[in-house]
PDB file of N, CA and C in Angstrom:
ATOM      1  N   MET A   1     166.216 139.286 196.680  1.00  0.00           N
ATOM      2  CA  MET A   1     167.304 139.503 197.618  1.00  0.00           C
ATOM      3  C   MET A   1     168.515 140.035 196.862  1.00  0.00           C
ATOM      4  N   ARG A   2     168.668 141.308 196.897  1.00  0.00           N
ATOM      5  CA  ARG A   2     169.713 141.958 196.130  1.00  0.00           C
ATOM      6  C   ARG A   2     171.099 141.399 196.443  1.00  0.00           C
ATOM      7  N   PHE A   3     171.433 141.264 197.715  1.00  0.00           N
ATOM      8  CA  PHE A   3     172.780 140.843 198.086  1.00  0.00           C
ATOM      9  C   PHE A   3     173.109 139.464 197.531  1.00  0.00           C
ATOM     10  N   VAL A   4     172.148 138.548 197.581  1.00  0.00           N
ATOM     11  CA  VAL A   4     172.380 137.193 197.086  1.00  0.00           C
ATOM     12  C   VAL A   4     172.313 137.161 195.568  1.00  0.00           C
ATOM     13  N   ASP A   5     171.285 137.785 195.006  1.00  0.00           N
ATOM     14  CA  ASP A   5     171.060 137.711 193.564  1.00  0.00           C
ATOM     15  C   ASP A   5     172.184 138.330 192.746  1.00  0.00           C
ATOM     16  N   GLU A   6     172.845 139.335 193.294  1.00  0.00           N
ATOM     17  CA  GLU A   6     173.905 139.972 192.518  1.00  0.00           C
ATOM     18  C   GLU A   6     175.101 139.042 192.304  1.00  0.00           C
ATOM     19  N   TYR A   7     175.164 137.957 193.065  1.00  0.00           N
ATOM     20  CA  TYR A   7     176.248 136.996 192.885  1.00  0.00           C
ATOM     21  C   TYR A   7     175.825 135.791 192.048  1.00  0.00           C
ATOM     22  N   ARG A   8     174.591 135.750 191.615  1.00  0.00           N
ATOM     23  CA  ARG A   8     174.116 134.637 190.795  1.00  0.00           C
ATOM     24  C   ARG A   8     174.261 135.028 189.333  1.00  0.00           C
ATOM     25  N   ALA A   9     175.278 134.509 188.716  1.00  0.00           N
ATOM     26  CA  ALA A   9     175.566 134.837 187.320  1.00  0.00           C
ATOM     27  C   ALA A   9     175.957 133.550 186.600  1.00  0.00           C
ATOM     28  N   PRO A  10     174.968 132.728 186.207  1.00  0.00           N
ATOM     29  CA  PRO A  10     175.275 131.431 185.598  1.00  0.00           C
ATOM     30  C   PRO A  10     176.167 131.525 184.363  1.00  0.00           C
ATOM     31  N   GLU A  11     175.974 132.575 183.564  1.00  0.00           N
ATOM     32  CA  GLU A  11     176.804 132.707 182.352  1.00  0.00           C
ATOM     33  C   GLU A  11     178.275 132.880 182.723  1.00  0.00           C
ATOM     34  N   GLN A  12     178.529 133.701 183.721  1.00  0.00           N
ATOM     35  CA  GLN A  12     179.909 133.915 184.153  1.00  0.00           C
ATOM     36  C   GLN A  12     180.491 132.653 184.769  1.00  0.00           C
ATOM     37  N   VAL A  13     179.681 131.932 185.527  1.00  0.00           N
ATOM     38  CA  VAL A  13     180.154 130.688 186.136  1.00  0.00           C
ATOM     39  C   VAL A  13     180.528 129.691 185.048  1.00  0.00           C
ATOM     40  N   MET A  14     179.675 129.546 184.035  1.00  0.00           N
ATOM     41  CA  MET A  14     179.969 128.586 182.966  1.00  0.00           C
ATOM     42  C   MET A  14     181.213 128.996 182.179  1.00  0.00           C
ATOM     43  N   GLN A  15     181.408 130.288 181.975  1.00  0.00           N
ATOM     44  CA  GLN A  15     182.630 130.750 181.309  1.00  0.00           C
ATOM     45  C   GLN A  15     183.853 130.389 182.140  1.00  0.00           C
ATOM     46  N   LEU A  16     183.750 130.584 183.423  1.00  0.00           N
ATOM     47  CA  LEU A  16     184.860 130.252 184.316  1.00  0.00           C
ATOM     48  C   LEU A  16     185.124 128.751 184.324  1.00  0.00           C
ATOM     49  N   ILE A  17     184.067 127.948 184.353  1.00  0.00           N
ATOM     50  CA  ILE A  17     184.221 126.491 184.330  1.00  0.00           C
ATOM     51  C   ILE A  17     184.876 126.055 183.028  1.00  0.00           C
ATOM     52  N   GLU A  18     184.448 126.616 181.913  1.00  0.00           N
ATOM     53  CA  GLU A  18     185.072 126.273 180.627  1.00  0.00           C
ATOM     54  C   GLU A  18     186.551 126.644 180.631  1.00  0.00           C
ATOM     55  N   HIS A  19     186.862 127.790 181.211  1.00  0.00           N
ATOM     56  CA  HIS A  19     188.264 128.207 181.315  1.00  0.00           C
ATOM     57  C   HIS A  19     189.055 127.209 182.162  1.00  0.00           C
ATOM     58  N   LEU A  20     188.475 126.786 183.288  1.00  0.00           N
ATOM     59  CA  LEU A  20     189.147 125.801 184.140  1.00  0.00           C
ATOM     60  C   LEU A  20     189.335 124.472 183.417  1.00  0.00           C
ATOM     61  N   ARG A  21     188.317 124.028 182.699  1.00  0.00           N
ATOM     62  CA  ARG A  21     188.428 122.765 181.959  1.00  0.00           C
ATOM     63  C   ARG A  21     189.513 122.854 180.893  1.00  0.00           C
ATOM     64  N   GLU A  22     189.555 123.989 180.216  1.00  0.00           N
ATOM     65  CA  GLU A  22     190.576 124.167 179.176  1.00  0.00           C
ATOM     66  C   GLU A  22     191.968 124.149 179.794  1.00  0.00           C
ATOM     67  N   ARG A  23     192.137 124.841 180.895  1.00  0.00           N
ATOM     68  CA  ARG A  23     193.437 124.868 181.572  1.00  0.00           C
ATOM     69  C   ARG A  23     193.796 123.485 182.110  1.00  0.00           C
ATOM     70  N   ALA A  24     192.805 122.789 182.660  1.00  0.00           N
ATOM     71  CA  ALA A  24     193.049 121.459 183.225  1.00  0.00           C
ATOM     72  C   ALA A  24     193.427 120.456 182.149  1.00  0.00           C
ATOM     73  N   SER A  25     192.966 120.682 180.925  1.00  0.00           N
ATOM     74  CA  SER A  25     193.289 119.742 179.845  1.00  0.00           C
ATOM     75  C   SER A  25     194.779 119.757 179.509  1.00  0.00           C
ATOM     76  N   HIS A  26     195.471 120.804 179.896  1.00  0.00           N
ATOM     77  CA  HIS A  26     196.914 120.901 179.638  1.00  0.00           C
ATOM     78  C   HIS A  26     197.753 120.282 180.757  1.00  0.00           C
ATOM     79  N   LEU A  27     197.095 119.863 181.816  1.00  0.00           N
ATOM     80  CA  LEU A  27     197.809 119.261 182.937  1.00  0.00           C
ATOM     81  C   LEU A  27     198.101 117.800 182.652  1.00  0.00           C
ATOM     82  N   SER A  28     199.150 117.308 183.239  1.00  0.00           N
ATOM     83  CA  SER A  28     199.515 115.906 183.022  1.00  0.00           C
ATOM     84  C   SER A  28     198.815 114.980 184.007  1.00  0.00           C
ATOM     85  N   TYR A  29     197.810 115.483 184.689  1.00  0.00           N
ATOM     86  CA  TYR A  29     197.066 114.673 185.648  1.00  0.00           C
ATOM     87  C   TYR A  29     195.967 113.904 184.926  1.00  0.00           C
ATOM     88  N   THR A  30     195.636 112.740 185.451  1.00  0.00           N
ATOM     89  CA  THR A  30     194.610 111.890 184.848  1.00  0.00           C
ATOM     90  C   THR A  30     193.556 111.554 185.897  1.00  0.00           C
ATOM     91  N   ALA A  31     192.507 110.859 185.465  1.00  0.00           N
ATOM     92  CA  ALA A  31     191.478 110.428 186.417  1.00  0.00           C
ATOM     93  C   ALA A  31     192.084 109.478 187.449  1.00  0.00           C
ATOM     94  N   GLU A  32     193.072 108.693 187.028  1.00  0.00           N
ATOM     95  CA  GLU A  32     193.727 107.760 187.949  1.00  0.00           C
ATOM     96  C   GLU A  32     194.697 108.474 188.883  1.00  0.00           C
ATOM     97  N   ARG A  33     195.258 109.573 188.417  1.00  0.00           N
ATOM     98  CA  ARG A  33     196.208 110.357 189.218  1.00  0.00           C
ATOM     99  C   ARG A  33     195.831 111.833 189.076  1.00  0.00           C
ATOM    100  N   PRO A  34     194.779 112.249 189.798  1.00  0.00           N
ATOM    101  CA  PRO A  34     194.242 113.601 189.609  1.00  0.00           C
ATOM    102  C   PRO A  34     195.051 114.692 190.301  1.00  0.00           C
ATOM    103  N   LEU A  35     194.812 115.915 189.848  1.00  0.00           N
ATOM    104  CA  LEU A  35     195.309 117.085 190.550  1.00  0.00           C
ATOM    105  C   LEU A  35     194.422 117.241 191.775  1.00  0.00           C
ATOM    106  N   ARG A  36     195.017 117.270 192.932  1.00  0.00           N
ATOM    107  CA  ARG A  36     194.243 117.368 194.169  1.00  0.00           C
ATOM    108  C   ARG A  36     194.386 118.772 194.748  1.00  0.00           C
ATOM    109  N   ILE A  37     193.254 119.380 195.002  1.00  0.00           N
ATOM    110  CA  ILE A  37     193.216 120.715 195.590  1.00  0.00           C
ATOM    111  C   ILE A  37     192.652 120.575 196.998  1.00  0.00           C
ATOM    112  N   MET A  38     193.414 121.040 197.981  1.00  0.00           N
ATOM    113  CA  MET A  38     192.947 120.933 199.360  1.00  0.00           C
ATOM    114  C   MET A  38     192.233 122.217 199.757  1.00  0.00           C
ATOM    115  N   GLU A  39     190.994 122.053 200.186  1.00  0.00           N
ATOM    116  CA  GLU A  39     190.301 123.195 200.774  1.00  0.00           C
ATOM    117  C   GLU A  39     190.489 123.085 202.277  1.00  0.00           C
ATOM    118  N   VAL A  40     190.863 124.187 202.894  1.00  0.00           N
ATOM    119  CA  VAL A  40     191.238 124.126 204.307  1.00  0.00           C
ATOM    120  C   VAL A  40     190.178 124.698 205.235  1.00  0.00           C
ATOM    121  N   CYS A  41     189.157 125.304 204.700  1.00  0.00           N
ATOM    122  CA  CYS A  41     188.133 125.931 205.531  1.00  0.00           C
ATOM    123  C   CYS A  41     186.816 125.183 205.371  1.00  0.00           C
ATOM    124  N   GLY A  42     186.187 124.868 206.466  1.00  0.00           N
ATOM    125  CA  GLY A  42     184.907 124.178 206.416  1.00  0.00           C
ATOM    126  C   GLY A  42     183.854 124.963 205.662  1.00  0.00           C
ATOM    127  N   GLY A  43     183.914 126.280 205.736  1.00  0.00           N
ATOM    128  CA  GLY A  43     182.978 127.119 204.977  1.00  0.00           C
ATOM    129  C   GLY A  43     183.167 126.951 203.486  1.00  0.00           C
ATOM    130  N   HIS A  44     184.421 126.855 203.052  1.00  0.00           N
ATOM    131  CA  HIS A  44     184.694 126.628 201.632  1.00  0.00           C
ATOM    132  C   HIS A  44     184.185 125.261 201.209  1.00  0.00           C
ATOM    133  N   THR A  45     184.461 124.244 202.025  1.00  0.00           N
ATOM    134  CA  THR A  45     184.005 122.888 201.729  1.00  0.00           C
ATOM    135  C   THR A  45     182.491 122.866 201.583  1.00  0.00           C
ATOM    136  N   HIS A  46     181.806 123.499 202.508  1.00  0.00           N
ATOM    137  CA  HIS A  46     180.345 123.530 202.475  1.00  0.00           C
ATOM    138  C   HIS A  46     179.847 124.179 201.180  1.00  0.00           C
ATOM    139  N   ALA A  47     180.415 125.321 200.814  1.00  0.00           N
ATOM    140  CA  ALA A  47     179.985 126.028 199.608  1.00  0.00           C
ATOM    141  C   ALA A  47     180.282 125.221 198.348  1.00  0.00           C
ATOM    142  N   ILE A  48     181.448 124.600 198.286  1.00  0.00           N
ATOM    143  CA  ILE A  48     181.830 123.811 197.110  1.00  0.00           C
ATOM    144  C   ILE A  48     180.824 122.701 196.859  1.00  0.00           C
ATOM    145  N   PHE A  49     180.451 121.991 197.909  1.00  0.00           N
ATOM    146  CA  PHE A  49     179.555 120.850 197.737  1.00  0.00           C
ATOM    147  C   PHE A  49     178.082 121.256 197.709  1.00  0.00           C
ATOM    148  N   LYS A  50     177.714 122.304 198.415  1.00  0.00           N
ATOM    149  CA  LYS A  50     176.323 122.771 198.398  1.00  0.00           C
ATOM    150  C   LYS A  50     175.921 123.198 196.996  1.00  0.00           C
ATOM    151  N   PHE A  51     176.813 123.888 196.308  1.00  0.00           N
ATOM    152  CA  PHE A  51     176.495 124.400 194.988  1.00  0.00           C
ATOM    153  C   PHE A  51     176.993 123.505 193.861  1.00  0.00           C
ATOM    154  N   GLY A  52     177.511 122.321 194.202  1.00  0.00           N
ATOM    155  CA  GLY A  52     177.897 121.344 193.194  1.00  0.00           C
ATOM    156  C   GLY A  52     179.121 121.710 192.380  1.00  0.00           C
ATOM    157  N   LEU A  53     179.962 122.581 192.909  1.00  0.00           N
ATOM    158  CA  LEU A  53     181.146 122.994 192.154  1.00  0.00           C
ATOM    159  C   LEU A  53     182.083 121.827 191.887  1.00  0.00           C
ATOM    160  N   ASP A  54     182.113 120.867 192.804  1.00  0.00           N
ATOM    161  CA  ASP A  54     182.970 119.694 192.604  1.00  0.00           C
ATOM    162  C   ASP A  54     182.530 118.898 191.380  1.00  0.00           C
ATOM    163  N   GLN A  55     181.243 118.932 191.054  1.00  0.00           N
ATOM    164  CA  GLN A  55     180.721 118.186 189.906  1.00  0.00           C
ATOM    165  C   GLN A  55     181.008 118.886 188.577  1.00  0.00           C
ATOM    166  N   LEU A  56     181.359 120.156 188.632  1.00  0.00           N
ATOM    167  CA  LEU A  56     181.607 120.921 187.416  1.00  0.00           C
ATOM    168  C   LEU A  56     183.048 120.817 186.934  1.00  0.00           C
ATOM    169  N   LEU A  57     183.923 120.363 187.800  1.00  0.00           N
ATOM    170  CA  LEU A  57     185.338 120.285 187.431  1.00  0.00           C
ATOM    171  C   LEU A  57     185.623 119.038 186.615  1.00  0.00           C
ATOM    172  N   PRO A  58     186.668 119.081 185.806  1.00  0.00           N
ATOM    173  CA  PRO A  58     187.045 117.894 185.032  1.00  0.00           C
ATOM    174  C   PRO A  58     187.437 116.742 185.952  1.00  0.00           C
ATOM    175  N   GLU A  59     187.405 115.533 185.416  1.00  0.00           N
ATOM    176  CA  GLU A  59     187.678 114.356 186.248  1.00  0.00           C
ATOM    177  C   GLU A  59     189.128 114.279 186.715  1.00  0.00           C
ATOM    178  N   ASN A  60     190.017 115.060 186.121  1.00  0.00           N
ATOM    179  CA  ASN A  60     191.410 115.024 186.568  1.00  0.00           C
ATOM    180  C   ASN A  60     191.703 116.059 187.659  1.00  0.00           C
ATOM    181  N   VAL A  61     190.641 116.656 188.212  1.00  0.00           N
ATOM    182  CA  VAL A  61     190.775 117.597 189.324  1.00  0.00           C
ATOM    183  C   VAL A  61     189.828 117.147 190.432  1.00  0.00           C
ATOM    184  N   GLU A  62     190.346 117.022 191.654  1.00  0.00           N
ATOM    185  CA  GLU A  62     189.475 116.644 192.770  1.00  0.00           C
ATOM    186  C   GLU A  62     189.833 117.436 194.016  1.00  0.00           C
ATOM    187  N   PHE A  63     188.861 117.581 194.880  1.00  0.00           N
ATOM    188  CA  PHE A  63     189.063 118.266 196.150  1.00  0.00           C
ATOM    189  C   PHE A  63     189.345 117.243 197.238  1.00  0.00           C
ATOM    190  N   ILE A  64     190.241 117.612 198.141  1.00  0.00           N
ATOM    191  CA  ILE A  64     190.427 116.809 199.350  1.00  0.00           C
ATOM    192  C   ILE A  64     190.235 117.748 200.539  1.00  0.00           C
ATOM    193  N   HIS A  65     189.727 117.205 201.620  1.00  0.00           N
ATOM    194  CA  HIS A  65     189.423 118.017 202.789  1.00  0.00           C
ATOM    195  C   HIS A  65     190.667 118.199 203.639  1.00  0.00           C
ATOM    196  N   GLY A  66     190.932 119.446 203.978  1.00  0.00           N
ATOM    197  CA  GLY A  66     192.094 119.763 204.789  1.00  0.00           C
ATOM    198  C   GLY A  66     191.769 119.759 206.273  1.00  0.00           C
ATOM    199  N   PRO A  67     192.663 120.305 207.050  1.00  0.00           N
ATOM    200  CA  PRO A  67     192.534 120.242 208.504  1.00  0.00           C
ATOM    201  C   PRO A  67     191.509 121.209 209.084  1.00  0.00           C
ATOM    202  N   GLY A  68     191.023 122.131 208.308  1.00  0.00           N
ATOM    203  CA  GLY A  68     190.128 123.171 208.817  1.00  0.00           C
ATOM    204  C   GLY A  68     190.912 124.456 209.011  1.00  0.00           C
ATOM    205  N   CYS A  69     190.199 125.554 208.984  1.00  0.00           N
ATOM    206  CA  CYS A  69     190.894 126.835 209.158  1.00  0.00           C
ATOM    207  C   CYS A  69     191.378 126.951 210.603  1.00  0.00           C
ATOM    208  N   PRO A  70     192.363 127.783 210.844  1.00  0.00           N
ATOM    209  CA  PRO A  70     192.917 127.890 212.195  1.00  0.00           C
ATOM    210  C   PRO A  70     191.872 128.217 213.256  1.00  0.00           C
ATOM    211  N   VAL A  71     190.892 129.011 212.910  1.00  0.00           N
ATOM    212  CA  VAL A  71     189.861 129.358 213.888  1.00  0.00           C
ATOM    213  C   VAL A  71     188.970 128.160 214.172  1.00  0.00           C
ATOM    214  N   CYS A  72     188.574 127.458 213.120  1.00  0.00           N
ATOM    215  CA  CYS A  72     187.646 126.329 213.291  1.00  0.00           C
ATOM    216  C   CYS A  72     188.259 125.185 214.089  1.00  0.00           C
ATOM    217  N   VAL A  73     189.556 125.018 214.012  1.00  0.00           N
ATOM    218  CA  VAL A  73     190.191 123.887 214.694  1.00  0.00           C
ATOM    219  C   VAL A  73     190.904 124.306 215.984  1.00  0.00           C
ATOM    220  N   LEU A  74     190.640 125.522 216.418  1.00  0.00           N
ATOM    221  CA  LEU A  74     191.259 126.030 217.642  1.00  0.00           C
ATOM    222  C   LEU A  74     190.776 125.220 218.844  1.00  0.00           C
ATOM    223  N   PRO A  75     191.691 124.636 219.619  1.00  0.00           N
ATOM    224  CA  PRO A  75     191.270 123.844 220.785  1.00  0.00           C
ATOM    225  C   PRO A  75     190.546 124.711 221.820  1.00  0.00           C
ATOM    226  N   MET A  76     189.571 124.136 222.474  1.00  0.00           N
ATOM    227  CA  MET A  76     188.770 124.865 223.462  1.00  0.00           C
ATOM    228  C   MET A  76     189.638 125.448 224.572  1.00  0.00           C
ATOM    229  N   GLY A  77     190.662 124.728 224.979  1.00  0.00           N
ATOM    230  CA  GLY A  77     191.561 125.238 226.014  1.00  0.00           C
ATOM    231  C   GLY A  77     192.243 126.527 225.603  1.00  0.00           C
ATOM    232  N   ARG A  78     192.588 126.633 224.329  1.00  0.00           N
ATOM    233  CA  ARG A  78     193.222 127.854 223.820  1.00  0.00           C
ATOM    234  C   ARG A  78     192.233 129.014 223.858  1.00  0.00           C
ATOM    235  N   ILE A  79     190.982 128.730 223.536  1.00  0.00           N
ATOM    236  CA  ILE A  79     189.949 129.768 223.597  1.00  0.00           C
ATOM    237  C   ILE A  79     189.764 130.233 225.040  1.00  0.00           C
ATOM    238  N   ASP A  80     189.736 129.291 225.967  1.00  0.00           N
ATOM    239  CA  ASP A  80     189.606 129.644 227.387  1.00  0.00           C
ATOM    240  C   ASP A  80     190.759 130.539 227.837  1.00  0.00           C
ATOM    241  N   THR A  81     191.970 130.222 227.394  1.00  0.00           N
ATOM    242  CA  THR A  81     193.139 131.032 227.742  1.00  0.00           C
ATOM    243  C   THR A  81     193.001 132.441 227.171  1.00  0.00           C
ATOM    244  N   CYS A  82     192.535 132.534 225.939  1.00  0.00           N
ATOM    245  CA  CYS A  82     192.339 133.846 225.305  1.00  0.00           C
ATOM    246  C   CYS A  82     191.320 134.677 226.076  1.00  0.00           C
ATOM    247  N   VAL A  83     190.231 134.051 226.486  1.00  0.00           N
ATOM    248  CA  VAL A  83     189.199 134.754 227.254  1.00  0.00           C
ATOM    249  C   VAL A  83     189.779 135.253 228.574  1.00  0.00           C
ATOM    250  N   GLU A  84     190.584 134.422 229.207  1.00  0.00           N
ATOM    251  CA  GLU A  84     191.193 134.810 230.488  1.00  0.00           C
ATOM    252  C   GLU A  84     192.135 135.996 230.294  1.00  0.00           C
ATOM    253  N   ILE A  85     192.958 135.947 229.263  1.00  0.00           N
ATOM    254  CA  ILE A  85     193.892 137.051 228.988  1.00  0.00           C
ATOM    255  C   ILE A  85     193.117 138.326 228.674  1.00  0.00           C
ATOM    256  N   ALA A  86     192.080 138.205 227.846  1.00  0.00           N
ATOM    257  CA  ALA A  86     191.305 139.375 227.428  1.00  0.00           C
ATOM    258  C   ALA A  86     190.501 139.989 228.571  1.00  0.00           C
ATOM    259  N   SER A  87     190.301 139.247 229.648  1.00  0.00           N
ATOM    260  CA  SER A  87     189.503 139.769 230.769  1.00  0.00           C
ATOM    261  C   SER A  87     190.252 140.807 231.604  1.00  0.00           C
ATOM    262  N   HIS A  88     191.547 140.940 231.392  1.00  0.00           N
ATOM    263  CA  HIS A  88     192.336 141.926 232.132  1.00  0.00           C
ATOM    264  C   HIS A  88     192.118 143.312 231.516  1.00  0.00           C
ATOM    265  N   PRO A  89     191.791 144.313 232.340  1.00  0.00           N
ATOM    266  CA  PRO A  89     191.471 145.643 231.807  1.00  0.00           C
ATOM    267  C   PRO A  89     192.619 146.296 231.030  1.00  0.00           C
ATOM    268  N   GLU A  90     193.853 145.954 231.361  1.00  0.00           N
ATOM    269  CA  GLU A  90     194.994 146.586 230.679  1.00  0.00           C
ATOM    270  C   GLU A  90     195.343 145.907 229.353  1.00  0.00           C
ATOM    271  N   VAL A  91     194.588 144.884 228.978  1.00  0.00           N
ATOM    272  CA  VAL A  91     194.887 144.118 227.760  1.00  0.00           C
ATOM    273  C   VAL A  91     193.962 144.540 226.625  1.00  0.00           C
ATOM    274  N   ILE A  92     194.555 144.779 225.475  1.00  0.00           N
ATOM    275  CA  ILE A  92     193.787 144.957 224.238  1.00  0.00           C
ATOM    276  C   ILE A  92     194.037 143.697 223.426  1.00  0.00           C
ATOM    277  N   PHE A  93     193.026 142.877 223.324  1.00  0.00           N
ATOM    278  CA  PHE A  93     193.174 141.566 222.680  1.00  0.00           C
ATOM    279  C   PHE A  93     192.757 141.683 221.221  1.00  0.00           C
ATOM    280  N   CYS A  94     193.647 141.317 220.316  1.00  0.00           N
ATOM    281  CA  CYS A  94     193.376 141.403 218.877  1.00  0.00           C
ATOM    282  C   CYS A  94     193.438 140.010 218.262  1.00  0.00           C
ATOM    283  N   THR A  95     192.518 139.747 217.357  1.00  0.00           N
ATOM    284  CA  THR A  95     192.501 138.463 216.659  1.00  0.00           C
ATOM    285  C   THR A  95     191.680 138.613 215.390  1.00  0.00           C
ATOM    286  N   PHE A  96     191.577 137.535 214.629  1.00  0.00           N
ATOM    287  CA  PHE A  96     190.733 137.536 213.440  1.00  0.00           C
ATOM    288  C   PHE A  96     189.275 137.674 213.855  1.00  0.00           C
ATOM    289  N   GLY A  97     188.447 138.249 213.005  1.00  0.00           N
ATOM    290  CA  GLY A  97     187.029 138.416 213.296  1.00  0.00           C
ATOM    291  C   GLY A  97     186.334 137.107 213.597  1.00  0.00           C
ATOM    292  N   ASP A  98     186.697 136.040 212.857  1.00  0.00           N
ATOM    293  CA  ASP A  98     186.084 134.731 213.091  1.00  0.00           C
ATOM    294  C   ASP A  98     186.367 134.244 214.502  1.00  0.00           C
ATOM    295  N   ALA A  99     187.599 134.419 214.949  1.00  0.00           N
ATOM    296  CA  ALA A  99     187.967 133.964 216.293  1.00  0.00           C
ATOM    297  C   ALA A  99     187.247 134.791 217.353  1.00  0.00           C
ATOM    298  N   MET A 100     187.038 136.051 217.078  1.00  0.00           N
ATOM    299  CA  MET A 100     186.342 136.904 218.038  1.00  0.00           C
ATOM    300  C   MET A 100     184.901 136.431 218.216  1.00  0.00           C
ATOM    301  N   ARG A 101     184.266 135.990 217.139  1.00  0.00           N
ATOM    302  CA  ARG A 101     182.894 135.484 217.227  1.00  0.00           C
ATOM    303  C   ARG A 101     182.836 134.183 218.019  1.00  0.00           C
ATOM    304  N   VAL A 102     183.886 133.354 217.906  1.00  0.00           N
ATOM    305  CA  VAL A 102     183.922 132.090 218.647  1.00  0.00           C
ATOM    306  C   VAL A 102     184.004 132.396 220.120  1.00  0.00           C
TER     307      VAL A 102
END
C-alpha cells in the first residue's frame, strides 16, 4: 500500500523521539508535575494511542484529552439549523470539509 507505506519510517520516528526526549530533558517539568499537552481532536487522540506515541514520550510529558474539535462536538441542533439554511436555493453554504461530511 503505497499511500500508507510511504509514511512508515521507523528511523525518522526514532530520531524525532530522541529529539523530543532531549528537548524535554531541559524542561523543569517532572513525573510528579508533568508538561501536559492537550489534544483537541478525537482523530489525533485515536492516532496517538493506536500507534503508542504516548508510550514513546518521556515521563515528564503527558497527554490530556481536550473538548474535541469544533466539528466533532457540534450540537445536533446546530447541524439541523445549518441544513435548514443550506436548503434555500439562494444560499451558498460554506464550512470546513469535516462539517460538510457530518
